[in-house]
C-alpha atoms as a PDB file:
ATOM      1  CA  MET A   1      -0.283   0.143  -0.125  1.00  0.00           C
ATOM      2  CA  THR A   2       1.495   3.228  -0.632  1.00  0.00           C
ATOM      3  CA  GLU A   3       1.508   6.144   1.739  1.00  0.00           C
ATOM      4  CA  SER A   4      -0.996   8.010  -0.425  1.00  0.00           C
ATOM      5  CA  LYS A   5      -3.569   5.098  -0.034  1.00  0.00           C
ATOM      6  CA  LEU A   6      -2.228   4.442   3.739  1.00  0.00           C
ATOM      7  CA  LYS A   7      -3.429   8.329   4.380  1.00  0.00           C
ATOM      8  CA  ASP A   8      -6.376   7.864   2.939  1.00  0.00           C
ATOM      9  CA  PHE A   9      -7.504   4.723   4.196  1.00  0.00           C
ATOM     10  CA  ILE A  10      -6.434   6.606   8.127  1.00  0.00           C
ATOM     11  CA  GLU A  11      -8.435   9.504   7.038  1.00  0.00           C
ATOM     12  CA  LEU A  12     -11.450   7.281   5.855  1.00  0.00           C
ATOM     13  CA  ILE A  13     -11.384   4.870   8.935  1.00  0.00           C
ATOM     14  CA  CYS A  14     -11.295   8.867  11.038  1.00  0.00           C
ATOM     15  CA  ARG A  15     -14.321  10.262   8.880  1.00  0.00           C
ATOM     16  CA  LEU A  16     -16.629   7.664   9.734  1.00  0.00           C
ATOM     17  CA  TYR A  17     -15.859   6.768  13.278  1.00  0.00           C
ATOM     18  CA  VAL A  18     -16.607  10.477  14.433  1.00  0.00           C
ATOM     19  CA  PHE A  19     -19.288  10.163  11.614  1.00  0.00           C
ATOM     20  CA  THR A  20     -21.032   7.415  13.553  1.00  0.00           C
ATOM     21  CA  PHE A  21     -20.671   8.083  17.079  1.00  0.00           C
ATOM     22  CA  LEU A  22     -21.580  11.426  16.925  1.00  0.00           C
ATOM     23  CA  ASN A  23     -24.326  10.996  14.589  1.00  0.00           C
ATOM     24  CA  LEU A  24     -25.327   8.694  17.889  1.00  0.00           C
ATOM     25  CA  TYR A  25     -25.010  11.172  20.899  1.00  0.00           C
ATOM     26  CA  ALA A  26     -26.167  13.918  18.440  1.00  0.00           C
ATOM     27  CA  ILE A  27     -29.705  12.274  17.684  1.00  0.00           C
ATOM     28  CA  GLY A  28     -29.391  10.881  21.728  1.00  0.00           C
ATOM     29  CA  LYS A  29     -29.462  14.633  22.468  1.00  0.00           C
ATOM     30  CA  ILE A  30     -32.521  14.692  19.583  1.00  0.00           C
ATOM     31  CA  MET A  31     -34.615  12.573  21.674  1.00  0.00           C
ATOM     32  CA  GLY A  32     -34.190  13.242  24.762  1.00  0.00           C
ATOM     33  CA  GLY A  33     -31.849  11.119  26.263  1.00  0.00           C
ATOM     34  CA  GLN A  34     -28.604  12.798  27.398  1.00  0.00           C
ATOM     35  CA  PHE A  35     -29.352  15.753  29.465  1.00  0.00           C
ATOM     36  CA  TYR A  36     -32.104  16.585  32.479  1.00  0.00           C
ATOM     37  CA  THR A  37     -34.636  17.726  30.913  1.00  0.00           C
ATOM     38  CA  PRO A  38     -37.453  19.682  32.743  1.00  0.00           C
ATOM     39  CA  GLU A  39     -39.788  16.336  32.458  1.00  0.00           C
ATOM     40  CA  ARG A  40     -37.212  14.401  32.983  1.00  0.00           C
ATOM     41  CA  LEU A  41     -35.306  15.802  36.327  1.00  0.00           C
ATOM     42  CA  PRO A  42     -34.368  12.978  38.686  1.00  0.00           C
ATOM     43  CA  ALA A  43     -36.803  13.832  41.936  1.00  0.00           C
ATOM     44  CA  GLU A  44     -33.850  13.434  44.074  1.00  0.00           C
ATOM     45  CA  ILE A  45     -32.284  16.129  42.032  1.00  0.00           C
ATOM     46  CA  ALA A  46     -34.987  18.527  42.287  1.00  0.00           C
ATOM     47  CA  ALA A  47     -35.396  18.036  46.346  1.00  0.00           C
ATOM     48  CA  ILE A  48     -32.019  19.727  45.950  1.00  0.00           C
ATOM     49  CA  PRO A  49     -31.242  23.624  47.061  1.00  0.00           C
ATOM     50  CA  LEU A  50     -29.619  25.269  43.955  1.00  0.00           C
ATOM     51  CA  GLY A  51     -26.195  25.891  45.203  1.00  0.00           C
ATOM     52  CA  LYS A  52     -26.099  22.331  47.116  1.00  0.00           C
ATOM     53  CA  VAL A  53     -26.217  20.464  43.602  1.00  0.00           C
ATOM     54  CA  GLU A  54     -23.357  18.648  42.302  1.00  0.00           C
ATOM     55  CA  SER A  55     -21.096  19.999  39.381  1.00  0.00           C
ATOM     56  CA  PHE A  56     -22.186  17.375  36.837  1.00  0.00           C
ATOM     57  CA  ASP A  57     -26.398  17.411  38.242  1.00  0.00           C
ATOM     58  CA  LEU A  58     -26.508  20.937  37.757  1.00  0.00           C
ATOM     59  CA  ALA A  59     -24.685  20.955  34.411  1.00  0.00           C
ATOM     60  CA  TRP A  60     -27.040  17.866  32.589  1.00  0.00           C
ATOM     61  CA  THR A  61     -30.333  20.194  33.947  1.00  0.00           C
ATOM     62  CA  PHE A  62     -28.528  23.629  32.159  1.00  0.00           C
ATOM     63  CA  MET A  63     -28.266  21.809  29.251  1.00  0.00           C
ATOM     64  CA  GLY A  64     -31.065  20.407  29.473  1.00  0.00           C
ATOM     65  CA  HIS A  65     -33.353  23.284  30.058  1.00  0.00           C
ATOM     66  CA  SER A  66     -33.561  24.479  26.701  1.00  0.00           C
ATOM     67  CA  TYR A  67     -34.996  22.182  24.127  1.00  0.00           C
ATOM     68  CA  THR A  68     -33.839  24.484  22.095  1.00  0.00           C
ATOM     69  CA  TYR A  69     -30.562  24.353  22.835  1.00  0.00           C
ATOM     70  CA  ILE A  70     -30.325  20.506  22.783  1.00  0.00           C
ATOM     71  CA  LEU A  71     -31.403  20.430  19.012  1.00  0.00           C
ATOM     72  CA  PHE A  72     -28.872  23.566  18.356  1.00  0.00           C
ATOM     73  CA  ILE A  73     -26.495  21.413  19.603  1.00  0.00           C
ATOM     74  CA  GLY A  74     -27.851  18.017  18.251  1.00  0.00           C
ATOM     75  CA  LEU A  75     -27.904  19.563  14.694  1.00  0.00           C
ATOM     76  CA  SER A  76     -24.942  21.292  14.543  1.00  0.00           C
ATOM     77  CA  GLN A  77     -23.354  17.571  15.594  1.00  0.00           C
ATOM     78  CA  LEU A  78     -25.027  16.188  12.918  1.00  0.00           C
ATOM     79  CA  MET A  79     -24.155  18.962  10.491  1.00  0.00           C
ATOM     80  CA  GLY A  80     -20.625  18.355  11.224  1.00  0.00           C
ATOM     81  CA  ALA A  81     -20.864  14.929  11.142  1.00  0.00           C
ATOM     82  CA  TRP A  82     -23.058  14.259   7.684  1.00  0.00           C
ATOM     83  CA  MET A  83     -20.096  16.768   6.205  1.00  0.00           C
ATOM     84  CA  LEU A  84     -17.597  13.736   6.970  1.00  0.00           C
ATOM     85  CA  LEU A  85     -18.868  11.751   4.924  1.00  0.00           C
ATOM     86  CA  SER A  86     -17.833  14.421   1.036  1.00  0.00           C
ATOM     87  CA  GLY A  87     -15.231  14.597   0.093  1.00  0.00           C
ATOM     88  CA  LYS A  88     -15.946  17.983  -0.871  1.00  0.00           C
ATOM     89  CA  LEU A  89     -16.930  19.640   2.566  1.00  0.00           C
ATOM     90  CA  LYS A  90     -15.412  17.473   4.942  1.00  0.00           C
ATOM     91  CA  LEU A  91     -12.251  19.877   6.126  1.00  0.00           C
ATOM     92  CA  ILE A  92     -15.825  22.408   6.791  1.00  0.00           C
ATOM     93  CA  GLY A  93     -17.386  19.525   8.709  1.00  0.00           C
ATOM     94  CA  VAL A  94     -14.082  19.605  10.930  1.00  0.00           C
ATOM     95  CA  PHE A  95     -14.119  22.859  11.444  1.00  0.00           C
ATOM     96  CA  ILE A  96     -17.643  23.078  12.206  1.00  0.00           C
ATOM     97  CA  LEU A  97     -17.088  19.738  15.010  1.00  0.00           C
ATOM     98  CA  LEU A  98     -13.409  21.051  16.458  1.00  0.00           C
ATOM     99  CA  PRO A  99     -14.639  23.565  18.432  1.00  0.00           C
ATOM    100  CA  ILE A 100     -18.020  21.738  19.827  1.00  0.00           C
ATOM    101  CA  MET A 101     -15.501  19.376  20.548  1.00  0.00           C
ATOM    102  CA  VAL A 102     -13.702  21.401  23.436  1.00  0.00           C
ATOM    103  CA  ASN A 103     -16.385  22.560  24.326  1.00  0.00           C
ATOM    104  CA  ILE A 104     -17.087  18.801  24.977  1.00  0.00           C
ATOM    105  CA  ILE A 105     -13.664  18.007  25.916  1.00  0.00           C
ATOM    106  CA  VAL A 106     -13.838  21.154  28.765  1.00  0.00           C
ATOM    107  CA  PHE A 107     -16.582  20.365  30.068  1.00  0.00           C
ATOM    108  CA  ASP A 108     -16.014  17.077  30.929  1.00  0.00           C
ATOM    109  CA  ILE A 109     -13.003  18.304  32.714  1.00  0.00           C
ATOM    110  CA  ILE A 110     -14.993  20.354  34.754  1.00  0.00           C
ATOM    111  CA  PHE A 111     -17.920  18.993  35.148  1.00  0.00           C
ATOM    112  CA  LEU A 112     -17.639  15.380  35.234  1.00  0.00           C
ATOM    113  CA  ASP A 113     -16.363  12.670  37.914  1.00  0.00           C
ATOM    114  CA  THR A 114     -15.601   9.672  35.999  1.00  0.00           C
ATOM    115  CA  TYR A 115     -13.528  10.209  32.696  1.00  0.00           C
ATOM    116  CA  GLY A 116     -14.746   7.694  29.895  1.00  0.00           C
ATOM    117  CA  ALA A 117     -16.976  10.078  28.137  1.00  0.00           C
ATOM    118  CA  LEU A 118     -13.718  12.804  27.846  1.00  0.00           C
ATOM    119  CA  ALA A 119     -11.664   9.706  26.369  1.00  0.00           C
ATOM    120  CA  SER A 120     -14.283   8.814  23.558  1.00  0.00           C
ATOM    121  CA  ALA A 121     -14.539  13.114  23.291  1.00  0.00           C
ATOM    122  CA  LEU A 122     -10.338  13.169  23.024  1.00  0.00           C
ATOM    123  CA  ILE A 123     -10.968   9.901  20.901  1.00  0.00           C
ATOM    124  CA  TYR A 124     -13.238  11.679  17.736  1.00  0.00           C
ATOM    125  CA  PHE A 125     -11.196  15.073  18.969  1.00  0.00           C
ATOM    126  CA  SER A 126      -7.886  13.923  18.142  1.00  0.00           C
ATOM    127  CA  MET A 127      -9.560  12.135  14.777  1.00  0.00           C
ATOM    128  CA  LEU A 128     -10.637  15.131  13.761  1.00  0.00           C
ATOM    129  CA  ILE A 129      -6.628  16.100  14.198  1.00  0.00           C
ATOM    130  CA  VAL A 130      -5.188  13.602  11.669  1.00  0.00           C
ATOM    131  CA  ILE A 131      -8.029  14.669   9.126  1.00  0.00           C
ATOM    132  CA  LEU A 132      -6.697  17.801   9.329  1.00  0.00           C
ATOM    133  CA  LEU A 133      -3.203  16.595   9.028  1.00  0.00           C
ATOM    134  CA  ILE A 134      -3.496  14.553   6.068  1.00  0.00           C
ATOM    135  CA  ASN A 135      -4.729  17.597   4.056  1.00  0.00           C
ATOM    136  CA  LYS A 136      -2.495  19.846   5.927  1.00  0.00           C
ATOM    137  CA  ASP A 137      -1.739  21.020   2.085  1.00  0.00           C
ATOM    138  CA  LYS A 138      -5.314  22.320   1.475  1.00  0.00           C
ATOM    139  CA  ILE A 139      -5.764  23.888   4.531  1.00  0.00           C
ATOM    140  CA  ILE A 140      -1.629  26.085   3.898  1.00  0.00           C
ATOM    141  CA  GLY A 141      -3.694  26.530   0.645  1.00  0.00           C
ATOM    142  CA  ILE A 142      -6.587  28.416   2.072  1.00  0.00           C
ATOM    143  CA  LEU A 143      -5.168  30.343   4.977  1.00  0.00           C
ATOM    144  CA  ARG A 144      -2.300  30.817   2.489  1.00  0.00           C
ATOM    145  CA  SER A 145      -5.354  32.502  -0.581  1.00  0.00           C
ATOM    146  CA  ILE A 146      -7.246  34.159   2.544  1.00  0.00           C
ATOM    147  CA  THR A 147      -4.296  35.914   4.219  1.00  0.00           C
ATOM    148  CA  ASP A 148      -2.512  36.869   0.867  1.00  0.00           C
ATOM    149  CA  PHE A 149      -2.913  41.046   0.513  1.00  0.00           C
ATOM    150  CA  PRO A 150      -1.369  42.830  -1.867  1.00  0.00           C
ATOM    151  CA  PRO A 151       0.790  45.826   0.282  1.00  0.00           C
ATOM    152  CA  ALA A 152      -0.972  48.918   1.830  1.00  0.00           C
ATOM    153  CA  GLU A 153       0.473  51.282   0.345  1.00  0.00           C
ATOM    154  CA  LYS A 154       2.380  54.676   2.820  1.00  0.00           C
ATOM    155  CA  ALA A 155       0.128  56.510   3.955  1.00  0.00           C
ATOM    156  CA  THR A 156       1.612  59.909   5.572  1.00  0.00           C
ATOM    157  CA  LEU A 157       1.399  60.135   9.342  1.00  0.00           C
ATOM    158  CA  ASN A 158      -1.574  63.004   8.642  1.00  0.00           C
ATOM    159  CA  ALA A 159      -3.370  59.834   6.598  1.00  0.00           C
ATOM    160  CA  ARG A 160      -3.178  57.306   9.415  1.00  0.00           C
ATOM    161  CA  LEU A 161      -4.277  59.329  11.807  1.00  0.00           C
ATOM    162  CA  MET A 162      -7.820  60.200   9.982  1.00  0.00           C
ATOM    163  CA  LYS A 163      -9.068  56.562   9.213  1.00  0.00           C
ATOM    164  CA  ILE A 164      -8.525  56.099  13.108  1.00  0.00           C
ATOM    165  CA  ALA A 165     -10.169  58.769  13.704  1.00  0.00           C
ATOM    166  CA  PHE A 166     -12.864  57.526  11.277  1.00  0.00           C
ATOM    167  CA  VAL A 167     -12.617  53.839  12.441  1.00  0.00           C
ATOM    168  CA  LEU A 168     -13.170  55.581  16.394  1.00  0.00           C
ATOM    169  CA  VAL A 169     -16.137  57.779  15.343  1.00  0.00           C
ATOM    170  CA  PHE A 170     -17.951  54.931  13.321  1.00  0.00           C
ATOM    171  CA  MET A 171     -17.100  52.257  16.757  1.00  0.00           C
ATOM    172  CA  ALA A 172     -18.444  54.989  18.830  1.00  0.00           C
ATOM    173  CA  ALA A 173     -21.756  55.581  16.836  1.00  0.00           C
ATOM    174  CA  ILE A 174     -22.284  52.162  16.366  1.00  0.00           C
ATOM    175  CA  PHE A 175     -21.574  51.554  20.182  1.00  0.00           C
ATOM    176  CA  VAL A 176     -24.730  54.094  21.317  1.00  0.00           C
ATOM    177  CA  VAL A 177     -27.140  52.418  18.775  1.00  0.00           C
ATOM    178  CA  ASP A 178     -26.203  49.099  19.879  1.00  0.00           C
ATOM    179  CA  GLN A 179     -26.555  50.773  23.687  1.00  0.00           C
ATOM    180  CA  LEU A 180     -29.918  52.567  22.747  1.00  0.00           C
ATOM    181  CA  ILE A 181     -31.468  48.427  21.337  1.00  0.00           C
ATOM    182  CA  VAL A 182     -30.045  46.835  24.338  1.00  0.00           C
ATOM    183  CA  ASN A 183     -32.251  49.752  26.186  1.00  0.00           C
ATOM    184  CA  LEU A 184     -35.110  49.870  24.180  1.00  0.00           C
ATOM    185  CA  ILE A 185     -35.335  45.659  24.282  1.00  0.00           C
ATOM    186  CA  GLY A 186     -33.836  44.967  27.971  1.00  0.00           C
ATOM    187  CA  HIS A 187     -30.805  43.626  29.638  1.00  0.00           C
ATOM    188  CA  GLY A 188     -32.764  40.181  30.684  1.00  0.00           C
ATOM    189  CA  LYS A 189     -31.829  38.514  34.020  1.00  0.00           C
ATOM    190  CA  GLY A 190     -27.976  38.828  33.718  1.00  0.00           C
END
């Protein structure tokens, strides 16, 4: 087997493995099986004062509090995972899934008292990194194309200061509009 075919084989394994298990987790979320939803909050946890709830139970209850939030997480996982099946969309899928996996890893480190789920998340994350490494030439090309700007013309100090002043004036105007909207709509409880 040539090195190129071996890389293709390893990438395919990583893509299909992550696809399979993130689909299972996403469907589990969407079907209501992963978090403590208001309808499925265990009575023994509901009876504990908020300040005394264990980290995991508090986090699991928070994550399950809003079905819209659960849908957002689950559908984001599904979208990224399904993109892994397409050779043309796989890197977009990886870039969607990487921040999701980082969030899961941080969540597991902070809130879980056993680390089986963390081990799985680290495996999925590592497989996504392997996919990136196998495609590093494409990624380098993409990064070069989006960061390759023609050199700026040398501007006088006066022109630079005017540009900075205009930017600051527009930022101030946007801030005023932003705060007007926030005050009209309300700040919420946070």
